[in-house]
Protein backbone atom coordinates (compact mmCIF):
# COMPACT_ATOMS: atom_id res chain seq x y z
CA MET A 1 -119.82 -38.98 150.85
CA VAL A 2 -116.12 -37.50 152.16
CA LYS A 3 -116.11 -35.56 148.99
CA LEU A 4 -119.54 -33.97 149.72
CA ILE A 5 -118.70 -33.00 153.17
CA ASN A 6 -115.30 -31.33 152.06
CA SER A 7 -117.70 -29.70 149.46
CA LYS A 8 -117.70 -25.73 149.81
CA TRP A 9 -121.57 -26.25 148.85
CA PHE A 10 -122.13 -28.47 151.80
CA GLN A 11 -119.93 -26.69 154.46
CA HIS A 12 -121.27 -22.90 153.49
CA PRO A 13 -124.91 -24.10 154.21
CA ILE A 14 -124.19 -25.92 157.44
CA PHE A 15 -122.32 -23.13 158.58
CA TRP A 16 -125.04 -20.23 157.94
CA MET A 17 -127.40 -22.15 159.50
CA LEU A 18 -125.80 -22.79 162.29
CA SER A 19 -124.90 -19.09 162.57
CA ILE A 20 -128.58 -18.26 161.91
CA TYR A 21 -129.74 -20.40 164.85
CA ALA A 22 -127.06 -18.93 167.44
CA ILE A 23 -127.72 -15.52 166.30
CA GLY A 24 -131.36 -16.18 166.93
CA SER A 25 -130.75 -17.76 170.03
CA TYR A 26 -128.58 -14.78 171.52
CA PHE A 27 -131.03 -11.94 170.49
CA SER A 28 -134.40 -13.66 171.33
CA ILE A 29 -136.83 -11.94 173.94
CA SER A 30 -137.93 -15.55 175.17
CA ASN A 31 -136.92 -18.82 175.90
CA VAL A 32 -138.80 -20.21 172.72
CA PHE A 33 -136.91 -20.03 169.57
CA LYS A 34 -139.72 -18.49 167.56
CA PHE A 35 -140.09 -17.26 163.80
CA ILE A 36 -139.58 -14.15 164.71
CA ASP A 37 -136.42 -14.83 166.06
CA VAL A 38 -135.20 -16.77 162.75
CA PHE A 39 -136.66 -13.45 160.81
CA TYR A 40 -134.63 -11.07 162.94
CA ALA A 41 -131.28 -13.57 162.59
CA LEU A 42 -131.93 -13.77 158.83
CA LEU A 43 -132.16 -10.01 158.60
CA PHE A 44 -129.26 -9.50 160.87
CA HIS A 45 -126.79 -11.97 158.03
CA ILE A 46 -127.37 -9.62 155.73
CA PRO A 47 -124.37 -7.33 156.46
CA LEU A 48 -122.53 -10.81 157.79
CA PHE A 49 -122.81 -12.05 154.50
CA PHE A 50 -121.49 -8.98 153.11
CA LEU A 51 -118.39 -9.18 155.54
CA VAL A 52 -117.36 -13.01 155.30
CA TYR A 53 -117.48 -13.02 151.52
CA ALA A 54 -115.98 -9.77 150.81
CA ASN A 55 -112.97 -11.08 153.11
CA LEU A 56 -113.11 -14.65 151.81
CA ARG A 57 -113.70 -13.48 148.05
CA PHE A 58 -111.43 -10.61 147.74
CA LEU A 59 -109.25 -9.41 151.09
CA ILE A 60 -107.82 -13.13 151.76
CA PRO A 61 -107.03 -13.78 147.96
CA LYS A 62 -105.62 -10.14 147.16
CA PHE A 63 -103.58 -9.91 150.15
CA LEU A 64 -103.11 -12.63 152.56
CA ASP A 65 -102.64 -15.05 149.89
CA GLN A 66 -100.23 -12.52 148.28
CA SER A 67 -98.14 -12.24 151.53
CA LYS A 68 -99.32 -8.28 151.57
CA TYR A 69 -100.37 -8.38 154.98
CA PRO A 70 -99.97 -4.64 156.05
CA LEU A 71 -102.33 -4.03 152.95
CA TYR A 72 -104.87 -6.55 154.66
CA PHE A 73 -104.98 -5.08 158.07
CA LEU A 74 -105.20 -1.56 156.47
CA CYS A 75 -108.35 -2.96 154.59
CA VAL A 76 -110.11 -4.66 157.70
CA PRO A 77 -111.05 -1.75 159.53
CA LEU A 78 -112.78 -0.38 156.23
CA LEU A 79 -114.53 -3.63 155.97
CA LEU A 80 -115.92 -3.57 159.29
CA LEU A 81 -117.01 0.08 159.02
CA LEU A 82 -119.01 -1.00 155.72
CA THR A 83 -120.56 -3.95 157.02
CA TYR A 84 -121.92 -1.60 159.87
CA VAL A 85 -123.60 0.50 157.33
CA VAL A 86 -124.77 -2.04 155.29
CA HIS A 87 -126.30 -3.09 158.67
CA GLU A 88 -127.57 0.34 159.90
CA ILE A 89 -129.21 0.43 156.14
CA THR A 90 -130.80 -2.94 156.43
CA PHE A 91 -132.55 -2.23 159.71
CA GLU A 92 -133.16 1.51 159.22
CA VAL A 93 -134.15 2.59 155.78
CA VAL A 94 -134.67 -0.86 153.92
CA PHE A 95 -136.66 -3.01 156.21
CA PRO A 96 -139.25 0.11 157.50
CA LEU A 97 -140.07 0.30 153.97
CA MET A 98 -141.40 -3.24 153.59
CA ASP A 99 -144.83 -4.22 154.17
CA SER A 100 -144.91 -6.66 156.92
CA GLU A 101 -146.59 -7.65 159.65
CA PHE A 102 -143.37 -7.36 161.89
CA TYR A 103 -141.65 -3.78 162.48
CA MET A 104 -138.03 -4.24 163.33
CA VAL A 105 -135.58 -1.65 164.41
CA SER A 106 -132.24 -2.80 165.63
CA PHE A 107 -131.29 -1.20 168.99
CA THR A 108 -128.05 -3.40 169.35
CA GLU A 109 -125.37 -1.19 170.67
CA TRP A 110 -122.48 -0.37 168.04
CA GLU A 111 -119.90 -1.79 170.19
CA ILE A 112 -121.79 -5.43 170.42
CA LEU A 113 -122.11 -4.98 166.66
CA VAL A 114 -118.74 -4.84 166.03
CA THR A 115 -117.59 -7.54 168.34
CA ILE A 116 -120.05 -10.05 166.40
CA PHE A 117 -118.45 -8.63 162.98
CA VAL A 118 -114.98 -9.03 164.07
CA ILE A 119 -115.51 -12.41 165.58
CA TYR A 120 -116.98 -13.36 162.16
CA LEU A 121 -114.03 -11.65 160.24
CA THR A 122 -111.42 -13.93 162.43
CA LEU A 123 -113.54 -17.16 162.31
CA THR A 124 -113.77 -17.32 158.77
CA THR A 125 -110.18 -15.89 158.33
CA LEU A 126 -109.01 -18.78 160.37
CA ILE A 127 -110.78 -21.38 158.74
CA LYS A 128 -109.98 -20.12 155.66
CA LEU A 129 -106.27 -20.31 156.03
CA SER A 130 -106.82 -23.80 157.87
CA GLN A 131 -108.07 -25.00 154.94
CA SER A 132 -105.23 -23.52 152.59
CA TRP A 133 -102.89 -24.88 155.18
CA TYR A 134 -104.43 -28.61 154.75
CA ILE A 135 -104.19 -28.08 151.34
CA LEU A 136 -100.92 -26.80 150.94
CA GLN A 137 -99.56 -29.86 153.28
CA GLN A 138 -101.62 -32.41 150.94
CA VAL A 139 -99.60 -30.60 148.01
CA GLU A 140 -96.36 -31.22 149.69
CA LYS A 141 -97.11 -34.70 150.78
CA ASP A 142 -97.74 -35.78 147.04
CA LYS A 143 -94.83 -34.16 146.12
CA LEU A 144 -92.89 -35.91 148.65
CA SER A 145 -94.58 -39.20 147.49
CA LEU A 146 -93.77 -38.68 143.81
CA GLU A 147 -90.06 -37.96 144.73
CA LEU A 148 -89.85 -40.84 146.60
CA ASN A 149 -91.21 -42.92 144.15
CA SER A 150 -88.87 -41.25 141.60
CA LEU A 151 -86.09 -42.29 143.93
CA LYS A 152 -86.88 -45.65 144.36
CA THR A 153 -86.92 -46.03 140.82
CA GLN A 154 -83.34 -44.56 140.50
CA ILE A 155 -81.56 -48.10 140.21
CA ASN A 156 -78.70 -48.46 137.86
CA PRO A 157 -79.73 -51.40 135.10
CA HIS A 158 -76.37 -52.02 134.35
CA PHE A 159 -76.65 -54.89 136.76
CA LEU A 160 -79.50 -56.47 135.05
CA PHE A 161 -77.63 -56.20 131.77
CA ASN A 162 -74.44 -57.63 133.62
CA SER A 163 -76.77 -60.43 134.85
CA LEU A 164 -78.34 -61.40 131.54
CA ASN A 165 -74.90 -61.78 130.00
CA SER A 166 -73.83 -64.13 132.95
CA ILE A 167 -76.63 -65.94 132.41
CA TYR A 168 -76.16 -66.23 128.88
CA SER A 169 -72.63 -67.46 129.28
CA GLN A 170 -73.79 -69.93 131.86
CA ALA A 171 -76.52 -71.26 129.42
CA LEU A 172 -73.62 -71.40 126.45
CA ALA A 173 -71.69 -73.44 128.71
CA LYS A 174 -74.63 -75.44 129.62
CA SER A 175 -74.13 -74.67 133.41
CA ASP A 176 -76.19 -76.47 135.97
CA GLN A 177 -76.32 -73.09 137.58
CA THR A 178 -78.29 -71.54 135.18
CA PRO A 179 -81.83 -72.21 136.61
CA GLU A 180 -80.63 -71.36 140.01
CA THR A 181 -79.22 -68.25 138.62
CA VAL A 182 -82.52 -67.14 136.42
CA LEU A 183 -84.35 -67.79 139.71
CA GLU A 184 -82.62 -65.47 141.87
CA LEU A 185 -83.10 -62.69 139.04
CA SER A 186 -86.33 -63.47 138.60
CA ASN A 187 -86.79 -62.68 142.71
CA LEU A 188 -84.90 -59.60 142.87
CA LEU A 189 -86.68 -57.87 139.74
CA ARG A 190 -90.18 -59.12 141.18
CA TYR A 191 -89.16 -57.63 144.76
CA MET A 192 -87.89 -54.23 143.10
CA LEU A 193 -90.90 -53.69 140.81
CA TYR A 194 -93.66 -55.15 142.90
CA GLU A 195 -92.91 -55.39 146.83
CA VAL A 196 -91.73 -51.79 147.59
CA GLU A 197 -94.55 -49.78 147.21
CA GLU A 198 -95.00 -49.79 151.28
CA ASP A 199 -93.27 -46.97 152.97
CA LYS A 200 -91.21 -49.35 155.05
CA VAL A 201 -90.69 -53.30 154.85
CA PRO A 202 -89.30 -55.91 156.73
CA LEU A 203 -85.80 -56.03 157.00
CA VAL A 204 -85.16 -59.18 156.32
CA LYS A 205 -86.68 -58.97 152.78
CA GLU A 206 -84.19 -56.52 152.23
CA VAL A 207 -81.32 -58.65 153.34
CA GLU A 208 -82.81 -61.55 150.91
CA MET A 209 -82.91 -59.12 148.09
CA LEU A 210 -79.20 -57.62 148.80
CA GLU A 211 -77.97 -61.59 149.03
CA ASN A 212 -79.66 -62.09 145.49
CA TYR A 213 -78.20 -59.22 143.98
CA ILE A 214 -74.49 -59.96 145.33
CA GLU A 215 -75.03 -63.79 144.04
CA LEU A 216 -75.97 -62.36 140.43
CA GLN A 217 -72.84 -59.88 140.84
CA LYS A 218 -70.73 -62.61 141.95
CA LEU A 219 -71.18 -64.37 138.43
CA ARG A 220 -69.17 -61.99 136.58
CA LEU A 221 -66.01 -61.46 139.07
CA GLU A 222 -62.67 -62.54 138.41
CA GLU A 223 -61.11 -65.33 140.69
CA GLY A 224 -59.69 -63.75 143.87
CA SER A 225 -62.12 -60.92 143.88
CA ARG A 226 -63.50 -61.09 147.54
CA VAL A 227 -66.89 -60.29 148.64
CA ASP A 228 -67.95 -60.83 152.20
CA PHE A 229 -71.76 -60.02 153.58
CA THR A 230 -72.16 -60.63 157.27
CA VAL A 231 -75.48 -59.98 159.23
CA LYS A 232 -75.48 -59.79 163.06
CA GLY A 233 -78.67 -59.39 165.33
CA ASN A 234 -82.47 -60.44 165.12
CA LEU A 235 -84.03 -58.90 162.19
CA GLU A 236 -87.44 -60.25 163.04
CA GLY A 237 -89.95 -57.25 163.27
CA VAL A 238 -87.62 -54.70 162.11
CA MET A 239 -88.70 -52.29 159.49
CA ILE A 240 -86.96 -50.41 156.94
CA ALA A 241 -87.24 -47.83 153.79
CA PRO A 242 -87.23 -50.18 150.80
CA LEU A 243 -84.04 -50.11 148.78
CA LEU A 244 -82.25 -47.95 151.21
CA LEU A 245 -78.95 -49.90 151.23
CA PHE A 246 -79.12 -51.27 147.63
CA PRO A 247 -77.59 -48.32 146.37
CA LEU A 248 -74.57 -48.61 148.85
CA VAL A 249 -74.06 -52.04 147.65
CA GLU A 250 -74.69 -51.57 144.20
CA ASN A 251 -72.09 -48.64 144.42
CA ALA A 252 -69.60 -50.62 146.01
CA PHE A 253 -69.64 -53.14 143.02
CA LYS A 254 -69.58 -50.55 140.48
CA HIS A 255 -66.80 -48.65 141.57
CA GLY A 256 -64.92 -51.47 143.67
CA MET A 257 -64.59 -54.13 141.31
CA LYS A 258 -64.09 -52.06 138.29
CA ASN A 259 -60.69 -53.17 137.40
CA ASP A 260 -61.38 -56.97 138.23
CA SER A 261 -58.48 -57.21 140.40
CA GLU A 262 -57.27 -59.84 142.57
CA GLN A 263 -57.04 -57.25 145.26
CA ALA A 264 -60.96 -56.10 144.46
CA PHE A 265 -62.87 -56.57 147.86
CA ILE A 266 -66.06 -55.64 149.24
CA VAL A 267 -66.93 -56.34 152.75
CA ILE A 268 -70.44 -55.44 154.18
CA GLN A 269 -71.60 -55.96 157.74
CA LEU A 270 -75.37 -55.16 159.11
CA ILE A 271 -75.64 -54.93 162.76
CA VAL A 272 -79.05 -54.67 164.13
CA ASP A 273 -79.21 -53.94 167.96
CA LYS A 274 -80.92 -50.97 169.25
CA THR A 275 -80.09 -49.36 165.82
CA ILE A 276 -79.56 -50.63 162.24
CA SER A 277 -75.86 -49.98 161.35
CA PHE A 278 -74.81 -50.89 157.65
CA THR A 279 -71.31 -50.45 157.06
CA ILE A 280 -70.08 -51.33 153.39
CA LYS A 281 -66.27 -50.90 152.73
CA ASN A 282 -64.52 -51.69 148.81
CA ASN A 283 -61.32 -51.29 147.25
CA LEU A 284 -61.02 -47.88 145.22
CA GLY A 285 -61.31 -48.87 141.51
CA GLN A 286 -60.66 -46.36 138.75
CA ILE A 287 -63.34 -44.10 137.84
CA ASP A 288 -64.03 -43.50 134.01
CA ASP A 289 -64.76 -40.24 132.18
CA ILE A 290 -68.69 -40.84 132.37
CA GLU A 291 -68.72 -41.39 136.30
CA LYS A 292 -66.58 -38.21 136.86
CA GLY A 293 -69.16 -36.17 135.06
CA LYS A 294 -73.03 -35.75 136.13
CA TYR A 295 -73.62 -39.44 136.51
CA GLY A 296 -71.13 -40.09 139.41
CA GLY A 297 -72.05 -40.36 142.72
CA ILE A 298 -76.03 -40.73 141.82
CA GLY A 299 -76.39 -43.51 143.97
CA LEU A 300 -74.86 -42.03 147.26
CA GLU A 301 -76.83 -38.71 146.57
CA ASN A 302 -80.21 -40.79 146.25
CA VAL A 303 -79.35 -42.29 149.54
CA LYS A 304 -78.55 -38.94 151.28
CA ARG A 305 -81.83 -37.20 149.99
CA ARG A 306 -84.08 -40.19 151.05
CA LEU A 307 -82.66 -40.17 154.69
CA GLU A 308 -83.37 -36.19 154.68
CA LEU A 309 -86.80 -37.40 153.55
CA ILE A 310 -87.49 -40.13 155.60
CA TYR A 311 -85.23 -40.14 158.42
CA PRO A 312 -84.76 -36.55 158.98
CA THR A 313 -83.23 -36.56 162.66
CA THR A 314 -82.81 -40.31 163.06
CA HIS A 315 -79.97 -41.02 160.98
CA ASN A 316 -76.08 -40.57 160.42
CA PHE A 317 -74.36 -40.99 157.46
CA GLN A 318 -70.48 -41.10 156.91
CA ILE A 319 -68.22 -41.40 153.96
CA LEU A 320 -64.68 -42.20 154.52
CA LYS A 321 -62.53 -41.97 151.59
CA THR A 322 -58.40 -43.19 151.33
CA GLU A 323 -56.25 -43.65 148.50
CA THR A 324 -56.96 -46.91 148.35
CA GLU A 325 -60.35 -47.79 150.09
CA PHE A 326 -63.80 -46.16 150.17
CA GLN A 327 -66.09 -46.78 153.40
CA VAL A 328 -69.86 -45.98 153.84
CA LYS A 329 -71.46 -46.09 157.28
CA LEU A 330 -75.11 -45.74 157.83
CA THR A 331 -76.66 -45.78 161.05
CA LEU A 332 -80.48 -45.41 161.77
CA ILE A 333 -81.58 -44.78 164.89
């Protein structure tokens, strides 16, 4: 039904039927809408058909859609003149030659005719432009949705291989923690694959996902490495874009724990008050040649781009770097 209503084969007949009724009523000589009024209105629409479709099919595609505005406005007076000529031919030449019980000649003053023509030209142009704008907005919306979905999927798969290797080691050692580790990985993957389709998700679920990820990453850390994750405030009812915080945590493990040093640390703090404040700090590890190239910083660029798209005016993103530490602070207002 919606598709039918949006179709031009539905919209155009409705427009012209309303137009014929309006013109017939305007020129009617009595309070009763008679056949003669319909007949006159139909004749009157011959130049209107010419005007509207010459504008829709030629002037707008050739000039307005191509941003050739001066040419369009130069052609408008010529189109109005041609429309007036078509009107005169219809009522003064063609119709008197027809065999009809109605002999009809239009006595409408040219100023009124031109005013009506201008109204129809303006109205149909605005409708066409509004439709084009709506279609453009839909295209941009679809493009934005595709880009956001693409950004969601840009999650580094290395943690998966690391986790599987850790689980394999646990299995070889017949560790009692193996089932729990498999469950944590399963929950994490389920969330990433199936539960992030919505534009916003509960912050509680995001925190649970981060906790699962951190526990999996701890399996491969050396003794002495420190990972602290603290949450303050009430998370209930708070919504956030899915997987927005994940690349920041992933980036900290990727770089901060690179050397498996006893001095390696990651400190994560989430504070929820009137705003969402997420701070993550880690030691600055060495970066290999691949990460110095085009793959370096993908996680942070991912976050920046998503913030621009989802929170364009309600976020503050800061990166602080010293010789020994790297810190990122994100605030969502």
